[in-house]
Amino acid sequence: MGITSLRDRKREQNRIATVRAAWELFIERGYDHVTVSDICAKADIAPRTFHRYFASKEDVVAEPVRQMTAITTEYIAGAPPEDDDRTVMRGAMTQVARFVVERRELLTALRTVAHQSSHLKVSQVVVRTDSDPNIAALLAARHPDTDPDDWRRRVLVGCATAAFRVWYEDCLRGGLPDPLAHLESIMDAAGT
């Protein structure tokens, strides 16, 4: 059991080191001028190791989206059962916002890299709209006695993630004295 845990930790450390190496190269040279071989050399890993974690270098740029989705999923799964869906969604978006605030400089740089690339098809590094049905399903799973396809839940998720995306753009622009209070204001205005 300890060996598996140690192996898993080592894999996660290698994955994180690979992501950091790639991001540094993307920011330094631009996405279009970095190869998987460059990333492997900087991270001191073999190409086979890189491809164990990522199908392509575009997947490395999308890593923050994966992390934000994981934060949302974990928050919803661990939310107290007595909390209503609105409270849970607001808490999940607040957790993701903390992640963004802590990494604002990096996320801003990655967004610039994505916009400057002629090859990237990453629209935004943020909670994506195609995640909304999965988030709604997670919320529904918390209430087995209710209709899993209730449109109100889907609207709540859509409004919460749209409000978050508006906040995200404001946050990356900078200059917010209290980013989390700004998120609360936007969520209030969206009714979420």
N, C-alpha and C. Protein backbone atom coordinates (compact mmCIF):
# COMPACT_ATOMS: atom_id res chain seq x y z
N MET A 1 0.82 -1.20 0.00
CA MET A 1 0.00 0.00 0.00
C MET A 1 0.86 1.26 0.00
N GLY A 2 1.92 1.29 0.82
CA GLY A 2 2.80 2.44 0.87
C GLY A 2 3.51 2.69 -0.44
N ILE A 3 3.89 1.60 -1.14
CA ILE A 3 4.57 1.75 -2.42
C ILE A 3 3.64 2.37 -3.45
N THR A 4 2.40 1.92 -3.49
CA THR A 4 1.44 2.50 -4.42
C THR A 4 1.23 3.97 -4.12
N SER A 5 1.10 4.30 -2.86
CA SER A 5 0.92 5.69 -2.47
C SER A 5 2.15 6.52 -2.84
N LEU A 6 3.33 5.99 -2.59
CA LEU A 6 4.56 6.69 -2.95
C LEU A 6 4.65 6.85 -4.46
N ARG A 7 4.30 5.81 -5.19
CA ARG A 7 4.33 5.86 -6.66
C ARG A 7 3.34 6.90 -7.17
N ASP A 8 2.15 6.92 -6.58
CA ASP A 8 1.14 7.91 -7.00
C ASP A 8 1.61 9.33 -6.71
N ARG A 9 2.23 9.52 -5.56
CA ARG A 9 2.74 10.86 -5.23
C ARG A 9 3.84 11.28 -6.19
N LYS A 10 4.70 10.36 -6.54
CA LYS A 10 5.79 10.65 -7.47
C LYS A 10 5.22 11.00 -8.85
N ARG A 11 4.22 10.27 -9.29
CA ARG A 11 3.59 10.58 -10.58
C ARG A 11 2.98 11.98 -10.56
N GLU A 12 2.29 12.30 -9.48
CA GLU A 12 1.67 13.62 -9.38
C GLU A 12 2.74 14.71 -9.35
N GLN A 13 3.85 14.48 -8.67
CA GLN A 13 4.95 15.45 -8.65
C GLN A 13 5.52 15.64 -10.05
N ASN A 14 5.69 14.53 -10.79
CA ASN A 14 6.18 14.62 -12.17
C ASN A 14 5.20 15.38 -13.05
N ARG A 15 3.93 15.13 -12.85
CA ARG A 15 2.90 15.81 -13.63
C ARG A 15 2.95 17.32 -13.37
N ILE A 16 3.04 17.69 -12.11
CA ILE A 16 3.09 19.11 -11.74
C ILE A 16 4.35 19.76 -12.30
N ALA A 17 5.49 19.07 -12.20
CA ALA A 17 6.75 19.60 -12.74
C ALA A 17 6.65 19.78 -14.26
N THR A 18 5.98 18.86 -14.92
CA THR A 18 5.80 18.95 -16.37
C THR A 18 4.95 20.16 -16.73
N VAL A 19 3.87 20.36 -15.99
CA VAL A 19 3.00 21.51 -16.22
C VAL A 19 3.77 22.81 -16.01
N ARG A 20 4.50 22.91 -14.93
CA ARG A 20 5.27 24.14 -14.65
C ARG A 20 6.28 24.41 -15.75
N ALA A 21 6.99 23.37 -16.15
CA ALA A 21 8.00 23.53 -17.20
C ALA A 21 7.35 24.02 -18.49
N ALA A 22 6.24 23.42 -18.85
CA ALA A 22 5.55 23.82 -20.08
C ALA A 22 5.07 25.26 -19.99
N TRP A 23 4.43 25.62 -18.89
CA TRP A 23 3.93 26.99 -18.74
C TRP A 23 5.06 28.01 -18.82
N GLU A 24 6.17 27.71 -18.17
CA GLU A 24 7.32 28.63 -18.23
C GLU A 24 7.78 28.82 -19.67
N LEU A 25 7.87 27.72 -20.41
CA LEU A 25 8.28 27.81 -21.81
C LEU A 25 7.26 28.55 -22.66
N PHE A 26 5.98 28.28 -22.45
CA PHE A 26 4.94 28.96 -23.22
C PHE A 26 5.00 30.46 -22.98
N ILE A 27 5.18 30.85 -21.73
CA ILE A 27 5.22 32.28 -21.39
C ILE A 27 6.48 32.92 -21.96
N GLU A 28 7.58 32.22 -21.90
CA GLU A 28 8.87 32.73 -22.37
C GLU A 28 8.94 32.83 -23.90
N ARG A 29 8.51 31.77 -24.60
CA ARG A 29 8.69 31.68 -26.05
C ARG A 29 7.42 31.82 -26.86
N GLY A 30 6.28 31.63 -26.22
CA GLY A 30 5.02 31.57 -26.96
C GLY A 30 4.69 30.12 -27.26
N TYR A 31 3.43 29.81 -27.22
CA TYR A 31 2.97 28.42 -27.39
C TYR A 31 3.45 27.81 -28.70
N ASP A 32 3.36 28.57 -29.78
CA ASP A 32 3.68 28.04 -31.10
C ASP A 32 5.16 27.70 -31.28
N HIS A 33 6.00 28.21 -30.40
CA HIS A 33 7.45 28.00 -30.53
C HIS A 33 8.00 27.01 -29.51
N VAL A 34 7.12 26.24 -28.91
CA VAL A 34 7.52 25.23 -27.92
C VAL A 34 7.05 23.87 -28.41
N THR A 35 7.95 22.89 -28.34
CA THR A 35 7.60 21.52 -28.73
C THR A 35 7.47 20.64 -27.50
N VAL A 36 6.89 19.50 -27.67
CA VAL A 36 6.82 18.52 -26.58
C VAL A 36 8.24 18.15 -26.15
N SER A 37 9.15 18.05 -27.10
CA SER A 37 10.55 17.75 -26.76
C SER A 37 11.15 18.83 -25.87
N ASP A 38 10.83 20.10 -26.15
CA ASP A 38 11.32 21.20 -25.31
C ASP A 38 10.80 21.05 -23.88
N ILE A 39 9.53 20.72 -23.77
CA ILE A 39 8.91 20.55 -22.45
C ILE A 39 9.57 19.40 -21.71
N CYS A 40 9.78 18.30 -22.41
CA CYS A 40 10.40 17.12 -21.79
C CYS A 40 11.82 17.44 -21.31
N ALA A 41 12.56 18.17 -22.12
CA ALA A 41 13.93 18.54 -21.73
C ALA A 41 13.92 19.42 -20.48
N LYS A 42 13.04 20.40 -20.46
CA LYS A 42 12.98 21.30 -19.30
C LYS A 42 12.50 20.57 -18.04
N ALA A 43 11.54 19.66 -18.20
CA ALA A 43 11.01 18.93 -17.04
C ALA A 43 11.86 17.71 -16.69
N ASP A 44 12.84 17.41 -17.52
CA ASP A 44 13.73 16.26 -17.32
C ASP A 44 12.94 14.94 -17.28
N ILE A 45 12.10 14.79 -18.28
CA ILE A 45 11.31 13.56 -18.42
C ILE A 45 11.41 13.06 -19.87
N ALA A 46 11.05 11.82 -20.07
CA ALA A 46 11.01 11.24 -21.42
C ALA A 46 9.68 11.60 -22.08
N PRO A 47 9.66 11.65 -23.41
CA PRO A 47 8.39 11.92 -24.11
C PRO A 47 7.29 10.93 -23.73
N ARG A 48 7.67 9.71 -23.49
CA ARG A 48 6.68 8.71 -23.08
C ARG A 48 6.02 9.10 -21.76
N THR A 49 6.80 9.66 -20.84
CA THR A 49 6.26 10.13 -19.56
C THR A 49 5.30 11.29 -19.80
N PHE A 50 5.71 12.22 -20.67
CA PHE A 50 4.83 13.35 -21.00
C PHE A 50 3.47 12.84 -21.47
N HIS A 51 3.49 11.87 -22.39
CA HIS A 51 2.25 11.38 -22.98
C HIS A 51 1.45 10.49 -22.03
N ARG A 52 2.05 10.10 -20.93
CA ARG A 52 1.29 9.39 -19.89
C ARG A 52 0.32 10.37 -19.23
N TYR A 53 0.73 11.63 -19.14
CA TYR A 53 -0.08 12.65 -18.48
C TYR A 53 -0.95 13.45 -19.45
N PHE A 54 -0.43 13.69 -20.66
CA PHE A 54 -1.10 14.60 -21.59
C PHE A 54 -1.07 14.01 -23.00
N ALA A 55 -2.17 14.16 -23.71
CA ALA A 55 -2.22 13.70 -25.10
C ALA A 55 -1.44 14.64 -26.01
N SER A 56 -1.43 15.94 -25.66
CA SER A 56 -0.76 16.94 -26.49
C SER A 56 -0.34 18.11 -25.62
N LYS A 57 0.41 19.02 -26.20
CA LYS A 57 0.82 20.19 -25.42
C LYS A 57 -0.37 21.12 -25.16
N GLU A 58 -1.40 21.05 -26.02
CA GLU A 58 -2.61 21.86 -25.77
C GLU A 58 -3.27 21.45 -24.45
N ASP A 59 -3.18 20.17 -24.10
CA ASP A 59 -3.75 19.70 -22.84
C ASP A 59 -3.07 20.34 -21.63
N VAL A 60 -1.80 20.69 -21.79
CA VAL A 60 -1.08 21.34 -20.69
C VAL A 60 -1.63 22.74 -20.46
N VAL A 61 -1.96 23.44 -21.53
CA VAL A 61 -2.54 24.78 -21.40
C VAL A 61 -3.91 24.70 -20.74
N ALA A 62 -4.62 23.63 -21.00
CA ALA A 62 -5.97 23.45 -20.44
C ALA A 62 -5.94 22.92 -19.01
N GLU A 63 -4.77 22.68 -18.45
CA GLU A 63 -4.66 22.12 -17.10
C GLU A 63 -5.42 22.94 -16.05
N PRO A 64 -5.36 24.29 -16.08
CA PRO A 64 -6.15 25.03 -15.08
C PRO A 64 -7.64 24.74 -15.15
N VAL A 65 -8.15 24.51 -16.35
CA VAL A 65 -9.57 24.16 -16.50
C VAL A 65 -9.85 22.84 -15.79
N ARG A 66 -8.96 21.87 -15.96
CA ARG A 66 -9.12 20.58 -15.29
C ARG A 66 -9.11 20.77 -13.78
N GLN A 67 -8.20 21.61 -13.30
CA GLN A 67 -8.11 21.86 -11.86
C GLN A 67 -9.36 22.56 -11.33
N MET A 68 -9.85 23.54 -12.07
CA MET A 68 -11.06 24.25 -11.63
C MET A 68 -12.27 23.32 -11.63
N THR A 69 -12.35 22.47 -12.63
CA THR A 69 -13.44 21.49 -12.67
C THR A 69 -13.35 20.53 -11.50
N ALA A 70 -12.13 20.11 -11.17
CA ALA A 70 -11.94 19.20 -10.03
C ALA A 70 -12.33 19.88 -8.72
N ILE A 71 -11.99 21.15 -8.55
CA ILE A 71 -12.36 21.89 -7.35
C ILE A 71 -13.88 21.94 -7.22
N THR A 72 -14.55 22.26 -8.32
CA THR A 72 -16.01 22.33 -8.33
C THR A 72 -16.62 20.99 -7.96
N THR A 73 -16.14 19.94 -8.60
CA THR A 73 -16.66 18.59 -8.37
C THR A 73 -16.45 18.16 -6.92
N GLU A 74 -15.25 18.37 -6.41
CA GLU A 74 -14.95 17.99 -5.03
C GLU A 74 -15.80 18.78 -4.03
N TYR A 75 -15.99 20.06 -4.30
CA TYR A 75 -16.79 20.87 -3.39
C TYR A 75 -18.24 20.38 -3.34
N ILE A 76 -18.80 20.15 -4.51
CA ILE A 76 -20.19 19.69 -4.56
C ILE A 76 -20.34 18.33 -3.89
N ALA A 77 -19.41 17.43 -4.17
CA ALA A 77 -19.47 16.09 -3.58
C ALA A 77 -19.35 16.13 -2.05
N GLY A 78 -18.59 17.08 -1.53
CA GLY A 78 -18.38 17.15 -0.09
C GLY A 78 -19.27 18.12 0.65
N ALA A 79 -20.16 18.78 -0.06
CA ALA A 79 -21.03 19.78 0.58
C ALA A 79 -22.01 19.10 1.54
N PRO A 80 -22.32 19.78 2.65
CA PRO A 80 -23.28 19.21 3.59
C PRO A 80 -24.62 18.93 2.92
N PRO A 81 -25.21 17.78 3.19
CA PRO A 81 -26.46 17.41 2.52
C PRO A 81 -27.61 18.39 2.77
N GLU A 82 -27.56 19.09 3.88
CA GLU A 82 -28.67 20.02 4.18
C GLU A 82 -28.58 21.33 3.40
N ASP A 83 -27.43 21.60 2.77
CA ASP A 83 -27.29 22.84 1.99
C ASP A 83 -28.09 22.73 0.69
N ASP A 84 -28.79 23.82 0.35
CA ASP A 84 -29.53 23.81 -0.91
C ASP A 84 -28.58 24.01 -2.09
N ASP A 85 -29.07 23.75 -3.28
CA ASP A 85 -28.24 23.82 -4.48
C ASP A 85 -27.61 25.20 -4.68
N ARG A 86 -28.35 26.24 -4.40
CA ARG A 86 -27.83 27.61 -4.57
C ARG A 86 -26.63 27.85 -3.65
N THR A 87 -26.74 27.43 -2.41
CA THR A 87 -25.64 27.58 -1.45
C THR A 87 -24.42 26.77 -1.89
N VAL A 88 -24.67 25.57 -2.38
CA VAL A 88 -23.57 24.71 -2.82
C VAL A 88 -22.87 25.30 -4.04
N MET A 89 -23.65 25.78 -5.01
CA MET A 89 -23.04 26.38 -6.21
C MET A 89 -22.24 27.62 -5.86
N ARG A 90 -22.78 28.42 -4.99
CA ARG A 90 -22.06 29.63 -4.59
C ARG A 90 -20.75 29.27 -3.88
N GLY A 91 -20.81 28.27 -3.01
CA GLY A 91 -19.60 27.82 -2.33
C GLY A 91 -18.57 27.26 -3.29
N ALA A 92 -19.04 26.49 -4.29
CA ALA A 92 -18.12 25.91 -5.28
C ALA A 92 -17.46 27.02 -6.10
N MET A 93 -18.23 28.01 -6.53
CA MET A 93 -17.65 29.09 -7.33
C MET A 93 -16.68 29.93 -6.48
N THR A 94 -16.95 30.05 -5.20
CA THR A 94 -16.03 30.78 -4.31
C THR A 94 -14.72 30.02 -4.17
N GLN A 95 -14.79 28.69 -4.07
CA GLN A 95 -13.57 27.88 -3.98
C GLN A 95 -12.74 28.02 -5.25
N VAL A 96 -13.39 27.98 -6.39
CA VAL A 96 -12.68 28.14 -7.66
C VAL A 96 -12.09 29.55 -7.75
N ALA A 97 -12.81 30.54 -7.26
CA ALA A 97 -12.32 31.92 -7.28
C ALA A 97 -11.06 32.06 -6.43
N ARG A 98 -11.01 31.38 -5.31
CA ARG A 98 -9.79 31.42 -4.49
C ARG A 98 -8.60 30.86 -5.27
N PHE A 99 -8.82 29.77 -5.98
CA PHE A 99 -7.80 29.17 -6.83
C PHE A 99 -7.31 30.20 -7.85
N VAL A 100 -8.24 30.90 -8.48
CA VAL A 100 -7.90 31.90 -9.50
C VAL A 100 -7.12 33.05 -8.89
N VAL A 101 -7.57 33.56 -7.75
CA VAL A 101 -6.90 34.69 -7.11
C VAL A 101 -5.45 34.31 -6.77
N GLU A 102 -5.24 33.10 -6.27
CA GLU A 102 -3.89 32.66 -5.92
C GLU A 102 -2.98 32.53 -7.14
N ARG A 103 -3.57 32.31 -8.31
CA ARG A 103 -2.79 32.07 -9.53
C ARG A 103 -3.07 33.11 -10.62
N ARG A 104 -3.53 34.26 -10.21
CA ARG A 104 -3.95 35.28 -11.17
C ARG A 104 -2.87 35.63 -12.19
N GLU A 105 -1.65 35.85 -11.74
CA GLU A 105 -0.57 36.21 -12.66
C GLU A 105 -0.35 35.13 -13.71
N LEU A 106 -0.27 33.89 -13.26
CA LEU A 106 -0.05 32.78 -14.18
C LEU A 106 -1.22 32.64 -15.16
N LEU A 107 -2.44 32.71 -14.67
CA LEU A 107 -3.60 32.57 -15.54
C LEU A 107 -3.69 33.71 -16.56
N THR A 108 -3.32 34.90 -16.14
CA THR A 108 -3.29 36.03 -17.07
C THR A 108 -2.26 35.79 -18.16
N ALA A 109 -1.08 35.32 -17.77
CA ALA A 109 -0.02 35.03 -18.74
C ALA A 109 -0.45 33.93 -19.70
N LEU A 110 -1.09 32.88 -19.18
CA LEU A 110 -1.53 31.79 -20.04
C LEU A 110 -2.62 32.24 -21.01
N ARG A 111 -3.49 33.11 -20.56
CA ARG A 111 -4.52 33.63 -21.45
C ARG A 111 -3.89 34.44 -22.58
N THR A 112 -2.87 35.22 -22.24
CA THR A 112 -2.14 35.97 -23.27
C THR A 112 -1.48 35.03 -24.26
N VAL A 113 -0.84 33.98 -23.75
CA VAL A 113 -0.20 32.97 -24.60
C VAL A 113 -1.24 32.36 -25.54
N ALA A 114 -2.40 32.00 -25.02
CA ALA A 114 -3.44 31.38 -25.84
C ALA A 114 -3.92 32.33 -26.93
N HIS A 115 -4.09 33.61 -26.61
CA HIS A 115 -4.58 34.57 -27.59
C HIS A 115 -3.54 34.87 -28.67
N GLN A 116 -2.27 34.76 -28.33
CA GLN A 116 -1.20 35.05 -29.28
C GLN A 116 -0.89 33.87 -30.19
N SER A 117 -1.37 32.71 -29.86
CA SER A 117 -1.07 31.52 -30.64
C SER A 117 -1.96 31.42 -31.87
N SER A 118 -1.36 31.02 -32.97
CA SER A 118 -2.16 30.79 -34.17
C SER A 118 -2.69 29.36 -34.21
N HIS A 119 -2.23 28.51 -33.30
CA HIS A 119 -2.61 27.10 -33.30
C HIS A 119 -3.59 26.71 -32.18
N LEU A 120 -3.57 27.44 -31.12
CA LEU A 120 -4.41 27.07 -29.98
C LEU A 120 -5.88 27.32 -30.27
N LYS A 121 -6.69 26.41 -29.83
CA LYS A 121 -8.13 26.57 -29.97
C LYS A 121 -8.78 26.68 -28.59
N VAL A 122 -8.00 27.09 -27.61
CA VAL A 122 -8.50 27.25 -26.25
C VAL A 122 -9.17 28.62 -26.19
N SER A 123 -10.47 28.63 -25.96
CA SER A 123 -11.19 29.90 -25.95
C SER A 123 -10.92 30.67 -24.66
N GLN A 124 -10.99 29.99 -23.55
CA GLN A 124 -10.74 30.63 -22.26
C GLN A 124 -10.23 29.59 -21.29
N VAL A 125 -9.42 30.04 -20.39
CA VAL A 125 -8.97 29.15 -19.32
C VAL A 125 -9.88 29.46 -18.13
N VAL A 126 -11.02 28.78 -18.10
CA VAL A 126 -12.05 29.05 -17.10
C VAL A 126 -13.01 27.86 -17.06
N VAL A 127 -13.92 27.86 -16.11
CA VAL A 127 -14.94 26.81 -16.04
C VAL A 127 -15.73 26.86 -17.35
N ARG A 128 -15.74 25.78 -18.09
CA ARG A 128 -16.33 25.77 -19.42
C ARG A 128 -17.82 25.46 -19.35
N THR A 129 -18.54 25.98 -20.35
CA THR A 129 -19.98 25.75 -20.39
C THR A 129 -20.33 24.28 -20.63
N ASP A 130 -19.43 23.53 -21.28
CA ASP A 130 -19.74 22.12 -21.51
C ASP A 130 -19.66 21.30 -20.23
N SER A 131 -19.20 21.91 -19.14
CA SER A 131 -19.20 21.25 -17.83
C SER A 131 -20.53 21.40 -17.11
N ASP A 132 -21.37 22.33 -17.55
CA ASP A 132 -22.63 22.62 -16.86
C ASP A 132 -23.52 21.39 -16.66
N PRO A 133 -23.72 20.54 -17.68
CA PRO A 133 -24.57 19.36 -17.44
C PRO A 133 -24.00 18.42 -16.37
N ASN A 134 -22.68 18.28 -16.34
CA ASN A 134 -22.06 17.43 -15.32
C ASN A 134 -22.23 18.01 -13.93
N ILE A 135 -22.10 19.34 -13.83
CA ILE A 135 -22.27 20.00 -12.53
C ILE A 135 -23.72 19.85 -12.07
N ALA A 136 -24.67 20.04 -12.98
CA ALA A 136 -26.09 19.87 -12.64
C ALA A 136 -26.37 18.44 -12.19
N ALA A 137 -25.76 17.48 -12.84
CA ALA A 137 -25.94 16.07 -12.46
C ALA A 137 -25.37 15.81 -11.06
N LEU A 138 -24.24 16.42 -10.74
CA LEU A 138 -23.67 16.27 -9.40
C LEU A 138 -24.60 16.85 -8.34
N LEU A 139 -25.16 18.01 -8.63
CA LEU A 139 -26.11 18.61 -7.69
C LEU A 139 -27.34 17.72 -7.53
N ALA A 140 -27.84 17.19 -8.64
CA ALA A 140 -29.02 16.32 -8.60
C ALA A 140 -28.74 15.06 -7.78
N ALA A 141 -27.53 14.53 -7.88
CA ALA A 141 -27.18 13.30 -7.16
C ALA A 141 -27.24 13.50 -5.64
N ARG A 142 -27.17 14.75 -5.19
CA ARG A 142 -27.26 15.04 -3.77
C ARG A 142 -28.69 14.88 -3.26
N HIS A 143 -29.65 14.85 -4.18
CA HIS A 143 -31.07 14.77 -3.83
C HIS A 143 -31.73 13.64 -4.62
N PRO A 144 -31.52 12.39 -4.21
CA PRO A 144 -32.04 11.26 -4.99
C PRO A 144 -33.56 11.24 -5.10
N ASP A 145 -34.25 11.99 -4.25
CA ASP A 145 -35.72 11.98 -4.28
C ASP A 145 -36.31 13.05 -5.20
N THR A 146 -35.45 13.80 -5.91
CA THR A 146 -35.95 14.84 -6.81
C THR A 146 -35.69 14.47 -8.26
N ASP A 147 -36.32 15.21 -9.15
CA ASP A 147 -36.15 14.98 -10.59
C ASP A 147 -34.73 15.38 -11.00
N PRO A 148 -33.93 14.43 -11.52
CA PRO A 148 -32.55 14.75 -11.89
C PRO A 148 -32.46 15.71 -13.07
N ASP A 149 -33.52 15.83 -13.84
CA ASP A 149 -33.51 16.71 -15.02
C ASP A 149 -34.25 18.02 -14.78
N ASP A 150 -34.44 18.39 -13.53
CA ASP A 150 -35.17 19.62 -13.20
C ASP A 150 -34.49 20.82 -13.89
N TRP A 151 -35.23 21.55 -14.68
CA TRP A 151 -34.68 22.67 -15.44
C TRP A 151 -34.16 23.78 -14.51
N ARG A 152 -34.77 23.90 -13.33
CA ARG A 152 -34.33 24.95 -12.39
C ARG A 152 -32.87 24.76 -11.99
N ARG A 153 -32.48 23.53 -11.78
CA ARG A 153 -31.09 23.21 -11.41
C ARG A 153 -30.15 23.56 -12.56
N ARG A 154 -30.56 23.24 -13.78
CA ARG A 154 -29.72 23.55 -14.94
C ARG A 154 -29.58 25.06 -15.12
N VAL A 155 -30.66 25.80 -14.89
CA VAL A 155 -30.60 27.26 -14.99
C VAL A 155 -29.69 27.82 -13.89
N LEU A 156 -29.81 27.29 -12.68
CA LEU A 156 -28.96 27.73 -11.58
C LEU A 156 -27.48 27.54 -11.95
N VAL A 157 -27.14 26.38 -12.45
CA VAL A 157 -25.75 26.10 -12.82
C VAL A 157 -25.31 27.04 -13.94
N GLY A 158 -26.15 27.21 -14.95
CA GLY A 158 -25.80 28.11 -16.06
C GLY A 158 -25.57 29.53 -15.60
N CYS A 159 -26.45 30.02 -14.72
CA CYS A 159 -26.29 31.39 -14.20
C CYS A 159 -25.05 31.51 -13.33
N ALA A 160 -24.79 30.52 -12.49
CA ALA A 160 -23.63 30.57 -11.60
C ALA A 160 -22.33 30.54 -12.39
N THR A 161 -22.24 29.69 -13.39
CA THR A 161 -21.00 29.61 -14.16
C THR A 161 -20.83 30.84 -15.06
N ALA A 162 -21.95 31.38 -15.56
CA ALA A 162 -21.86 32.62 -16.36
C ALA A 162 -21.41 33.78 -15.47
N ALA A 163 -21.95 33.87 -14.27
CA ALA A 163 -21.53 34.91 -13.33
C ALA A 163 -20.04 34.76 -13.02
N PHE A 164 -19.61 33.52 -12.84
CA PHE A 164 -18.20 33.27 -12.57
C PHE A 164 -17.32 33.73 -13.73
N ARG A 165 -17.74 33.45 -14.95
CA ARG A 165 -16.93 33.85 -16.11
C ARG A 165 -16.81 35.37 -16.20
N VAL A 166 -17.88 36.10 -15.88
CA VAL A 166 -17.82 37.57 -15.85
C VAL A 166 -16.81 38.01 -14.80
N TRP A 167 -16.90 37.41 -13.61
CA TRP A 167 -15.95 37.74 -12.54
C TRP A 167 -14.52 37.41 -12.95
N TYR A 168 -14.33 36.28 -13.59
CA TYR A 168 -13.00 35.83 -14.01
C TYR A 168 -12.32 36.87 -14.89
N GLU A 169 -13.06 37.38 -15.86
CA GLU A 169 -12.50 38.41 -16.75
C GLU A 169 -12.12 39.65 -15.95
N ASP A 170 -12.99 40.06 -15.04
CA ASP A 170 -12.70 41.23 -14.19
C ASP A 170 -11.46 40.97 -13.34
N CYS A 171 -11.38 39.78 -12.79
CA CYS A 171 -10.26 39.43 -11.91
C CYS A 171 -8.93 39.44 -12.67
N LEU A 172 -8.91 38.86 -13.86
CA LEU A 172 -7.66 38.80 -14.62
C LEU A 172 -7.22 40.18 -15.10
N ARG A 173 -8.17 41.09 -15.29
CA ARG A 173 -7.80 42.47 -15.65
C ARG A 173 -7.07 43.16 -14.50
N GLY A 174 -7.36 42.69 -13.28
CA GLY A 174 -6.71 43.26 -12.10
C GLY A 174 -7.42 44.49 -11.59
N GLY A 175 -6.88 45.03 -10.50
CA GLY A 175 -7.41 46.26 -9.94
C GLY A 175 -8.61 46.08 -9.02
N LEU A 176 -9.00 44.83 -8.73
CA LEU A 176 -10.13 44.63 -7.81
C LEU A 176 -9.59 44.68 -6.38
N PRO A 177 -10.12 45.60 -5.56
CA PRO A 177 -9.63 45.68 -4.18
C PRO A 177 -9.94 44.42 -3.38
N ASP A 178 -11.09 43.82 -3.63
CA ASP A 178 -11.49 42.60 -2.94
C ASP A 178 -12.17 41.68 -3.95
N PRO A 179 -11.39 40.83 -4.62
CA PRO A 179 -11.96 39.99 -5.68
C PRO A 179 -13.11 39.10 -5.22
N LEU A 180 -13.02 38.55 -4.02
CA LEU A 180 -14.09 37.65 -3.56
C LEU A 180 -15.38 38.41 -3.26
N ALA A 181 -15.26 39.63 -2.76
CA ALA A 181 -16.45 40.45 -2.55
C ALA A 181 -17.08 40.81 -3.90
N HIS A 182 -16.25 41.04 -4.89
CA HIS A 182 -16.75 41.32 -6.24
C HIS A 182 -17.52 40.11 -6.78
N LEU A 183 -16.99 38.92 -6.54
CA LEU A 183 -17.70 37.70 -6.96
C LEU A 183 -19.06 37.63 -6.28
N GLU A 184 -19.10 37.91 -4.99
CA GLU A 184 -20.38 37.88 -4.26
C GLU A 184 -21.38 38.84 -4.89
N SER A 185 -20.92 40.04 -5.26
CA SER A 185 -21.81 41.04 -5.88
C SER A 185 -22.36 40.52 -7.20
N ILE A 186 -21.50 39.91 -8.01
CA ILE A 186 -21.94 39.39 -9.30
C ILE A 186 -22.91 38.23 -9.11
N MET A 187 -22.60 37.34 -8.16
CA MET A 187 -23.50 36.20 -7.89
C MET A 187 -24.86 36.71 -7.39
N ASP A 188 -24.85 37.74 -6.55
CA ASP A 188 -26.10 38.34 -6.09
C ASP A 188 -26.90 38.88 -7.27
N ALA A 189 -26.24 39.60 -8.15
CA ALA A 189 -26.91 40.19 -9.31
C ALA A 189 -27.49 39.11 -10.23
N ALA A 190 -26.79 37.95 -10.30
CA ALA A 190 -27.26 36.85 -11.14
C ALA A 190 -28.33 36.01 -10.45
N GLY A 191 -28.58 36.29 -9.17
CA GLY A 191 -29.57 35.52 -8.43
C GLY A 191 -29.09 34.14 -8.04
N THR A 192 -27.79 34.00 -7.95
CA THR A 192 -27.24 32.70 -7.57
C THR A 192 -26.52 32.77 -6.24
